[in-house]
C-alpha atoms as a PDB file:
ATOM      1  CA  MET A   1     128.015 146.966 275.526  1.00  0.00           C
ATOM      2  CA  GLU A   2     125.412 144.648 276.224  1.00  0.00           C
ATOM      3  CA  ILE A   3     125.143 141.518 274.592  1.00  0.00           C
ATOM      4  CA  THR A   4     121.764 138.837 273.847  1.00  0.00           C
ATOM      5  CA  VAL A   5     121.408 135.947 272.527  1.00  0.00           C
ATOM      6  CA  ASP A   6     118.544 134.510 270.544  1.00  0.00           C
ATOM      7  CA  GLN A   7     118.716 130.993 271.133  1.00  0.00           C
ATOM      8  CA  ASP A   8     115.881 130.264 269.005  1.00  0.00           C
ATOM      9  CA  SER A   9     117.623 130.939 266.006  1.00  0.00           C
ATOM     10  CA  CYS A  10     121.089 130.099 267.184  1.00  0.00           C
ATOM     11  CA  CYS A  11     121.912 126.955 264.722  1.00  0.00           C
ATOM     12  CA  GLY A  12     124.802 125.954 266.817  1.00  0.00           C
ATOM     13  CA  ALA A  13     127.432 126.435 265.037  1.00  0.00           C
ATOM     14  CA  GLY A  14     129.870 127.062 267.809  1.00  0.00           C
ATOM     15  CA  GLN A  15     131.528 129.933 266.419  1.00  0.00           C
ATOM     16  CA  CYS A  16     130.996 132.133 269.291  1.00  0.00           C
ATOM     17  CA  VAL A  17     132.325 130.196 271.477  1.00  0.00           C
ATOM     18  CA  MET A  18     135.870 129.569 269.479  1.00  0.00           C
ATOM     19  CA  ILE A  19     136.223 133.067 269.199  1.00  0.00           C
ATOM     20  CA  ALA A  20     135.070 134.256 272.660  1.00  0.00           C
ATOM     21  CA  PRO A  21     135.002 131.264 275.073  1.00  0.00           C
ATOM     22  CA  GLU A  22     135.168 134.163 278.129  1.00  0.00           C
ATOM     23  CA  VAL A  23     131.276 135.081 276.711  1.00  0.00           C
ATOM     24  CA  PHE A  24     129.803 132.128 275.094  1.00  0.00           C
ATOM     25  CA  ASP A  25     129.526 128.469 275.573  1.00  0.00           C
ATOM     26  CA  GLN A  26     127.448 125.865 274.442  1.00  0.00           C
ATOM     27  CA  ARG A  27     124.342 123.075 275.857  1.00  0.00           C
ATOM     28  CA  GLU A  28     125.708 120.060 275.899  1.00  0.00           C
ATOM     29  CA  GLU A  29     122.513 118.274 274.895  1.00  0.00           C
ATOM     30  CA  ASP A  30     122.316 120.318 271.308  1.00  0.00           C
ATOM     31  CA  GLY A  31     124.797 123.116 270.898  1.00  0.00           C
ATOM     32  CA  VAL A  32     122.911 125.886 271.230  1.00  0.00           C
ATOM     33  CA  VAL A  33     124.664 129.242 272.524  1.00  0.00           C
ATOM     34  CA  VAL A  34     124.882 129.975 276.581  1.00  0.00           C
ATOM     35  CA  LEU A  35     125.617 133.446 277.010  1.00  0.00           C
ATOM     36  CA  LEU A  36     127.812 133.689 280.021  1.00  0.00           C
ATOM     37  CA  ASP A  37     128.710 137.503 280.612  1.00  0.00           C
ATOM     38  CA  PRO A  38     126.033 139.779 278.910  1.00  0.00           C
ATOM     39  CA  ALA A  39     128.278 142.689 279.807  1.00  0.00           C
ATOM     40  CA  PRO A  40     131.770 141.849 279.239  1.00  0.00           C
ATOM     41  CA  PRO A  41     135.183 143.833 280.131  1.00  0.00           C
ATOM     42  CA  ALA A  42     135.968 146.571 277.134  1.00  0.00           C
ATOM     43  CA  SER A  43     138.582 144.120 277.017  1.00  0.00           C
ATOM     44  CA  LEU A  44     136.628 141.779 274.905  1.00  0.00           C
ATOM     45  CA  PHE A  45     134.633 143.875 272.800  1.00  0.00           C
ATOM     46  CA  PRO A  46     136.736 143.142 269.968  1.00  0.00           C
ATOM     47  CA  VAL A  47     136.364 139.413 270.125  1.00  0.00           C
ATOM     48  CA  VAL A  48     132.739 139.536 270.593  1.00  0.00           C
ATOM     49  CA  ALA A  49     132.282 141.925 267.967  1.00  0.00           C
ATOM     50  CA  ASN A  50     133.860 139.474 265.805  1.00  0.00           C
ATOM     51  CA  ALA A  51     132.530 136.505 267.431  1.00  0.00           C
ATOM     52  CA  ALA A  52     128.894 138.554 266.681  1.00  0.00           C
ATOM     53  CA  ALA A  53     130.032 139.154 262.979  1.00  0.00           C
ATOM     54  CA  MET A  54     131.228 135.582 262.648  1.00  0.00           C
ATOM     55  CA  CYS A  55     127.809 134.084 263.952  1.00  0.00           C
ATOM     56  CA  PRO A  56     126.207 132.679 260.676  1.00  0.00           C
ATOM     57  CA  ALA A  57     122.517 132.483 262.042  1.00  0.00           C
ATOM     58  CA  ALA A  58     122.917 136.339 263.241  1.00  0.00           C
ATOM     59  CA  ALA A  59     121.964 134.948 266.818  1.00  0.00           C
ATOM     60  CA  ILE A  60     123.697 137.483 268.659  1.00  0.00           C
ATOM     61  CA  THR A  61     123.045 140.899 269.252  1.00  0.00           C
ATOM     62  CA  LEU A  62     125.367 143.742 270.681  1.00  0.00           C
ATOM     63  CA  THR A  63     123.921 147.181 271.928  1.00  0.00           C
ATOM     64  CA  ASP A  64     125.882 150.001 273.656  1.00  0.00           C
END
């Protein structure tokens, strides 16, 4: 799985950080998503998929 984020679309809700803090963080100044690990281990796939699904701005894209 490879993850990309669209920082321009991010609304800073922080759902991804709450669900998968090992993979996502937020910028201090505006809350926009920061991708910590664009290719996380398989053990994190379920939580990353959940984080992408819960993103209110659809700013997270997952590819195989």
